[in-house]
Amino acid sequence: MLNVRSNADAPDQPQPGSGSGTPSGAPGRLNLLLSYAGWRDESWADRLPRLLEPMGIASLRAETGREASQVISRNPIHMAVVDLGLPLDAAADPVAAEEGGPRLLEILRRLDQPPPTVVVKRGRSHREDCREINAALRSGAFAVIDRPHSASDLERLLEVLRRCLTRYYQGRWPGGAV
């Protein structure tokens, strides 16, 4: 589980903005962009916000690349989980259907303060997995993981997010306590 300390005096950290997209409508102490390209009900992307919300982490959901761009333009993003299978938009043609994930990585990388990013790979062939992992790491991803399916996979994702918080924010909330 994520353990953090308050950091009211942290200089040069992004400040939470208006948290549109958060469950309560208020900004979290940490804004997590959560993109998900799947179709399953009660997926890892549905369970993760319920686990993180009591700690003050606002999960800003996006199901397309265009939605993610809008979320990024309205909110500071402190961490991101990017599903590489993300469609560009809801009506994307089959050729461009999975362009949203790689484009989202590029948008995040070009921000003034790029957030640490965890990439969820699509789970294709070994060759495609290797290509996706290499491309994600070249784009600055903190980690690349398989799509979580079980409770233990979700625990692994939580551990990766904890390590991300520790490495990039020294275990403290970005911007101090709310």
C-alpha atoms as a PDB file:
ATOM      1  CA  MET A   1       0.000   0.000   0.000  1.00  0.00           C
ATOM      2  CA  LEU A   2       1.122   3.593  -0.480  1.00  0.00           C
ATOM      3  CA  ASN A   3       2.548   5.297   2.602  1.00  0.00           C
ATOM      4  CA  VAL A   4       3.298   8.996   2.440  1.00  0.00           C
ATOM      5  CA  ARG A   5       4.360  11.877   4.645  1.00  0.00           C
ATOM      6  CA  SER A   6       3.029  15.419   4.453  1.00  0.00           C
ATOM      7  CA  ASN A   7       5.377  17.911   2.814  1.00  0.00           C
ATOM      8  CA  ALA A   8       3.944  21.388   3.312  1.00  0.00           C
ATOM      9  CA  ASP A   9       7.272  23.127   2.580  1.00  0.00           C
ATOM     10  CA  ALA A  10       8.220  21.318  -0.642  1.00  0.00           C
ATOM     11  CA  PRO A  11       9.534  23.871  -3.165  1.00  0.00           C
ATOM     12  CA  ASP A  12       8.854  23.710  -6.883  1.00  0.00           C
ATOM     13  CA  GLN A  13       6.240  20.978  -6.687  1.00  0.00           C
ATOM     14  CA  PRO A  14       3.107  21.051  -8.854  1.00  0.00           C
ATOM     15  CA  GLN A  15       0.065  22.382  -7.035  1.00  0.00           C
ATOM     16  CA  PRO A  16      -3.290  20.614  -7.303  1.00  0.00           C
ATOM     17  CA  GLY A  17      -5.725  22.416  -9.562  1.00  0.00           C
ATOM     18  CA  SER A  18      -9.434  22.188  -9.986  1.00  0.00           C
ATOM     19  CA  GLY A  19     -10.023  18.483  -9.793  1.00  0.00           C
ATOM     20  CA  SER A  20     -12.711  18.024 -12.375  1.00  0.00           C
ATOM     21  CA  GLY A  21     -12.851  14.340 -12.986  1.00  0.00           C
ATOM     22  CA  THR A  22     -12.323  13.412  -9.362  1.00  0.00           C
ATOM     23  CA  PRO A  23     -15.085  11.487  -7.621  1.00  0.00           C
ATOM     24  CA  SER A  24     -15.786  14.302  -5.146  1.00  0.00           C
ATOM     25  CA  GLY A  25     -15.087  17.171  -7.564  1.00  0.00           C
ATOM     26  CA  ALA A  26     -12.251  18.403  -5.299  1.00  0.00           C
ATOM     27  CA  PRO A  27      -8.557  18.120  -6.059  1.00  0.00           C
ATOM     28  CA  GLY A  28      -6.637  15.311  -4.470  1.00  0.00           C
ATOM     29  CA  ARG A  29      -3.309  15.609  -2.753  1.00  0.00           C
ATOM     30  CA  LEU A  30      -2.006  13.654  -5.725  1.00  0.00           C
ATOM     31  CA  ASN A  31      -3.644  13.521  -9.147  1.00  0.00           C
ATOM     32  CA  LEU A  32      -3.261  10.174 -10.912  1.00  0.00           C
ATOM     33  CA  LEU A  33      -4.145  10.088 -14.602  1.00  0.00           C
ATOM     34  CA  LEU A  34      -5.649   6.646 -15.112  1.00  0.00           C
ATOM     35  CA  SER A  35      -6.233   5.549 -18.700  1.00  0.00           C
ATOM     36  CA  TYR A  36      -7.920   2.263 -19.481  1.00  0.00           C
ATOM     37  CA  ALA A  37      -8.716   0.721 -22.849  1.00  0.00           C
ATOM     38  CA  GLY A  38     -10.519  -2.358 -21.612  1.00  0.00           C
ATOM     39  CA  TRP A  39     -14.142  -3.311 -21.705  1.00  0.00           C
ATOM     40  CA  ARG A  40     -14.533  -5.362 -18.546  1.00  0.00           C
ATOM     41  CA  ASP A  41     -16.784  -4.320 -15.675  1.00  0.00           C
ATOM     42  CA  GLU A  42     -15.047  -4.224 -12.303  1.00  0.00           C
ATOM     43  CA  SER A  43     -11.619  -4.094 -13.925  1.00  0.00           C
ATOM     44  CA  TRP A  44      -8.421  -2.999 -12.209  1.00  0.00           C
ATOM     45  CA  ALA A  45      -9.162   0.522 -13.432  1.00  0.00           C
ATOM     46  CA  ASP A  46     -12.473   0.466 -11.531  1.00  0.00           C
ATOM     47  CA  ARG A  47     -10.984  -0.958  -8.323  1.00  0.00           C
ATOM     48  CA  LEU A  48      -7.835   1.177  -8.147  1.00  0.00           C
ATOM     49  CA  PRO A  49      -9.606   4.548  -7.529  1.00  0.00           C
ATOM     50  CA  ARG A  50     -11.636   3.034  -4.670  1.00  0.00           C
ATOM     51  CA  LEU A  51      -8.413   1.869  -3.020  1.00  0.00           C
ATOM     52  CA  LEU A  52      -6.568   5.163  -3.508  1.00  0.00           C
ATOM     53  CA  GLU A  53      -9.300   7.735  -2.859  1.00  0.00           C
ATOM     54  CA  PRO A  54      -9.258   7.401   0.980  1.00  0.00           C
ATOM     55  CA  MET A  55      -5.566   8.410   0.890  1.00  0.00           C
ATOM     56  CA  GLY A  56      -6.321  11.608  -1.032  1.00  0.00           C
ATOM     57  CA  ILE A  57      -5.338  10.330  -4.455  1.00  0.00           C
ATOM     58  CA  ALA A  58      -7.659  11.582  -7.160  1.00  0.00           C
ATOM     59  CA  SER A  59      -7.913   9.140 -10.064  1.00  0.00           C
ATOM     60  CA  LEU A  60      -8.659  11.162 -13.188  1.00  0.00           C
ATOM     61  CA  ARG A  61     -10.058   8.599 -15.643  1.00  0.00           C
ATOM     62  CA  ALA A  62      -9.717   8.686 -19.409  1.00  0.00           C
ATOM     63  CA  GLU A  63     -10.951   6.074 -21.859  1.00  0.00           C
ATOM     64  CA  THR A  64      -9.578   7.699 -25.016  1.00  0.00           C
ATOM     65  CA  GLY A  65      -6.526   9.712 -25.940  1.00  0.00           C
ATOM     66  CA  ARG A  66      -8.686  12.780 -26.513  1.00  0.00           C
ATOM     67  CA  GLU A  67     -10.243  12.480 -23.033  1.00  0.00           C
ATOM     68  CA  ALA A  68      -6.761  12.158 -21.536  1.00  0.00           C
ATOM     69  CA  SER A  69      -5.605  15.314 -23.347  1.00  0.00           C
ATOM     70  CA  GLN A  70      -8.569  17.222 -21.914  1.00  0.00           C
ATOM     71  CA  VAL A  71      -7.854  15.941 -18.389  1.00  0.00           C
ATOM     72  CA  ILE A  72      -4.194  16.982 -18.715  1.00  0.00           C
ATOM     73  CA  SER A  73      -5.139  20.469 -19.927  1.00  0.00           C
ATOM     74  CA  ARG A  74      -7.427  21.026 -16.894  1.00  0.00           C
ATOM     75  CA  ASN A  75      -5.478  19.355 -14.080  1.00  0.00           C
ATOM     76  CA  PRO A  76      -1.926  19.013 -12.832  1.00  0.00           C
ATOM     77  CA  ILE A  77      -0.891  15.384 -13.261  1.00  0.00           C
ATOM     78  CA  HIS A  78       1.466  14.026 -10.593  1.00  0.00           C
ATOM     79  CA  MET A  79       1.559  10.393 -11.789  1.00  0.00           C
ATOM     80  CA  ALA A  80       0.060   8.531 -14.733  1.00  0.00           C
ATOM     81  CA  VAL A  81      -0.955   5.009 -15.665  1.00  0.00           C
ATOM     82  CA  VAL A  82      -1.085   4.755 -19.458  1.00  0.00           C
ATOM     83  CA  ASP A  83      -2.754   1.809 -21.174  1.00  0.00           C
ATOM     84  CA  LEU A  84      -1.038   1.391 -24.549  1.00  0.00           C
ATOM     85  CA  GLY A  85      -4.257  -0.046 -26.009  1.00  0.00           C
ATOM     86  CA  LEU A  86      -6.044   3.271 -25.464  1.00  0.00           C
ATOM     87  CA  PRO A  87      -7.978   4.386 -28.565  1.00  0.00           C
ATOM     88  CA  LEU A  88      -7.396   7.886 -29.885  1.00  0.00           C
ATOM     89  CA  ASP A  89     -11.111   8.637 -29.652  1.00  0.00           C
ATOM     90  CA  ALA A  90     -14.357   6.735 -29.284  1.00  0.00           C
ATOM     91  CA  ALA A  91     -15.040   6.650 -33.029  1.00  0.00           C
ATOM     92  CA  ALA A  92     -11.487   5.875 -34.147  1.00  0.00           C
ATOM     93  CA  ASP A  93     -11.160   3.783 -37.270  1.00  0.00           C
ATOM     94  CA  PRO A  94      -9.526   0.362 -36.781  1.00  0.00           C
ATOM     95  CA  VAL A  95      -6.178   1.535 -38.181  1.00  0.00           C
ATOM     96  CA  ALA A  96      -5.898   4.392 -35.657  1.00  0.00           C
ATOM     97  CA  ALA A  97      -7.840   2.667 -32.867  1.00  0.00           C
ATOM     98  CA  GLU A  98      -4.811   2.002 -30.669  1.00  0.00           C
ATOM     99  CA  GLU A  99      -2.917   5.230 -31.312  1.00  0.00           C
ATOM    100  CA  GLY A 100      -4.120   6.925 -28.115  1.00  0.00           C
ATOM    101  CA  GLY A 101      -1.711   5.218 -25.702  1.00  0.00           C
ATOM    102  CA  PRO A 102       1.543   6.028 -27.528  1.00  0.00           C
ATOM    103  CA  ARG A 103       0.322   9.572 -28.243  1.00  0.00           C
ATOM    104  CA  LEU A 104      -0.586  10.037 -24.574  1.00  0.00           C
ATOM    105  CA  LEU A 105       2.956   9.017 -23.589  1.00  0.00           C
ATOM    106  CA  GLU A 106       4.292  11.678 -25.945  1.00  0.00           C
ATOM    107  CA  ILE A 107       1.968  14.368 -24.521  1.00  0.00           C
ATOM    108  CA  LEU A 108       3.027  13.528 -20.961  1.00  0.00           C
ATOM    109  CA  ARG A 109       6.710  13.531 -21.912  1.00  0.00           C
ATOM    110  CA  ARG A 110       6.424  17.038 -23.381  1.00  0.00           C
ATOM    111  CA  LEU A 111       4.843  18.632 -20.288  1.00  0.00           C
ATOM    112  CA  ASP A 112       6.914  21.219 -18.396  1.00  0.00           C
ATOM    113  CA  GLN A 113       6.981  18.797 -15.453  1.00  0.00           C
ATOM    114  CA  PRO A 114       6.483  15.306 -16.924  1.00  0.00           C
ATOM    115  CA  PRO A 115       4.894  13.015 -14.342  1.00  0.00           C
ATOM    116  CA  PRO A 116       6.294   9.596 -13.566  1.00  0.00           C
ATOM    117  CA  THR A 117       4.430   7.157 -15.788  1.00  0.00           C
ATOM    118  CA  VAL A 118       3.537   3.486 -15.463  1.00  0.00           C
ATOM    119  CA  VAL A 119       2.745   1.864 -18.809  1.00  0.00           C
ATOM    120  CA  VAL A 120       0.316  -1.049 -19.160  1.00  0.00           C
ATOM    121  CA  LYS A 121       1.268  -3.084 -22.207  1.00  0.00           C
ATOM    122  CA  ARG A 122      -1.284  -4.638 -24.511  1.00  0.00           C
ATOM    123  CA  GLY A 123      -0.236  -8.263 -24.064  1.00  0.00           C
ATOM    124  CA  ARG A 124       0.443  -9.229 -27.615  1.00  0.00           C
ATOM    125  CA  SER A 125       3.197 -11.464 -28.929  1.00  0.00           C
ATOM    126  CA  HIS A 126       6.619 -11.602 -27.299  1.00  0.00           C
ATOM    127  CA  ARG A 127       8.084  -9.588 -30.162  1.00  0.00           C
ATOM    128  CA  GLU A 128       5.411  -6.880 -29.849  1.00  0.00           C
ATOM    129  CA  ASP A 129       5.845  -6.828 -26.047  1.00  0.00           C
ATOM    130  CA  CYS A 130       9.584  -6.195 -26.489  1.00  0.00           C
ATOM    131  CA  ARG A 131       8.916  -3.365 -28.927  1.00  0.00           C
ATOM    132  CA  GLU A 132       6.342  -1.765 -26.614  1.00  0.00           C
ATOM    133  CA  ILE A 133       8.610  -2.051 -23.576  1.00  0.00           C
ATOM    134  CA  ASN A 134      11.542  -0.475 -25.445  1.00  0.00           C
ATOM    135  CA  ALA A 135       9.401   2.335 -26.859  1.00  0.00           C
ATOM    136  CA  ALA A 136       7.823   3.063 -23.452  1.00  0.00           C
ATOM    137  CA  LEU A 137      11.182   3.170 -21.683  1.00  0.00           C
ATOM    138  CA  ARG A 138      12.606   5.446 -24.398  1.00  0.00           C
ATOM    139  CA  SER A 139       9.611   7.734 -23.771  1.00  0.00           C
ATOM    140  CA  GLY A 140      10.609   7.999 -20.121  1.00  0.00           C
ATOM    141  CA  ALA A 141       8.253   5.481 -18.497  1.00  0.00           C
ATOM    142  CA  PHE A 142       9.077   4.599 -14.902  1.00  0.00           C
ATOM    143  CA  ALA A 143       7.822   1.022 -15.349  1.00  0.00           C
ATOM    144  CA  VAL A 144       6.066  -1.209 -17.865  1.00  0.00           C
ATOM    145  CA  ILE A 145       3.650  -3.814 -16.537  1.00  0.00           C
ATOM    146  CA  ASP A 146       1.308  -6.496 -17.849  1.00  0.00           C
ATOM    147  CA  ARG A 147      -2.391  -5.687 -17.752  1.00  0.00           C
ATOM    148  CA  PRO A 148      -3.575  -6.463 -14.201  1.00  0.00           C
ATOM    149  CA  HIS A 149      -6.138  -9.288 -14.084  1.00  0.00           C
ATOM    150  CA  SER A 150      -6.016 -10.631 -10.527  1.00  0.00           C
ATOM    151  CA  ALA A 151      -5.789  -9.226  -7.002  1.00  0.00           C
ATOM    152  CA  SER A 152      -2.075 -10.032  -6.906  1.00  0.00           C
ATOM    153  CA  ASP A 153      -1.574  -8.116 -10.184  1.00  0.00           C
ATOM    154  CA  LEU A 154      -3.373  -5.131  -8.637  1.00  0.00           C
ATOM    155  CA  GLU A 155      -1.098  -5.374  -5.583  1.00  0.00           C
ATOM    156  CA  ARG A 156       1.910  -5.298  -7.924  1.00  0.00           C
ATOM    157  CA  LEU A 157       0.554  -2.146  -9.564  1.00  0.00           C
ATOM    158  CA  LEU A 158       0.087  -0.544  -6.139  1.00  0.00           C
ATOM    159  CA  GLU A 159       3.679  -1.435  -5.269  1.00  0.00           C
ATOM    160  CA  VAL A 160       4.935   0.128  -8.515  1.00  0.00           C
ATOM    161  CA  LEU A 161       2.946   3.302  -7.726  1.00  0.00           C
ATOM    162  CA  ARG A 162       4.440   3.347  -4.206  1.00  0.00           C
ATOM    163  CA  ARG A 163       7.973   3.042  -5.642  1.00  0.00           C
ATOM    164  CA  CYS A 164       7.145   5.796  -8.117  1.00  0.00           C
ATOM    165  CA  LEU A 165       5.968   8.100  -5.318  1.00  0.00           C
ATOM    166  CA  THR A 166       9.072   7.317  -3.266  1.00  0.00           C
ATOM    167  CA  ARG A 167      11.490   7.934  -6.119  1.00  0.00           C
ATOM    168  CA  TYR A 168       9.946  11.066  -7.605  1.00  0.00           C
ATOM    169  CA  TYR A 169       8.443  12.692  -4.525  1.00  0.00           C
ATOM    170  CA  GLN A 170      10.598  11.173  -1.749  1.00  0.00           C
ATOM    171  CA  GLY A 171       7.473   9.593  -0.268  1.00  0.00           C
ATOM    172  CA  ARG A 172       5.778  12.990   0.183  1.00  0.00           C
ATOM    173  CA  TRP A 173       2.606  14.369  -1.368  1.00  0.00           C
ATOM    174  CA  PRO A 174       3.341  16.667  -4.306  1.00  0.00           C
ATOM    175  CA  GLY A 175       2.675  20.282  -3.364  1.00  0.00           C
ATOM    176  CA  GLY A 176       2.261  19.620   0.356  1.00  0.00           C
ATOM    177  CA  ALA A 177      -0.686  18.623   2.488  1.00  0.00           C
ATOM    178  CA  VAL A 178      -4.251  19.575   1.611  1.00  0.00           C
END
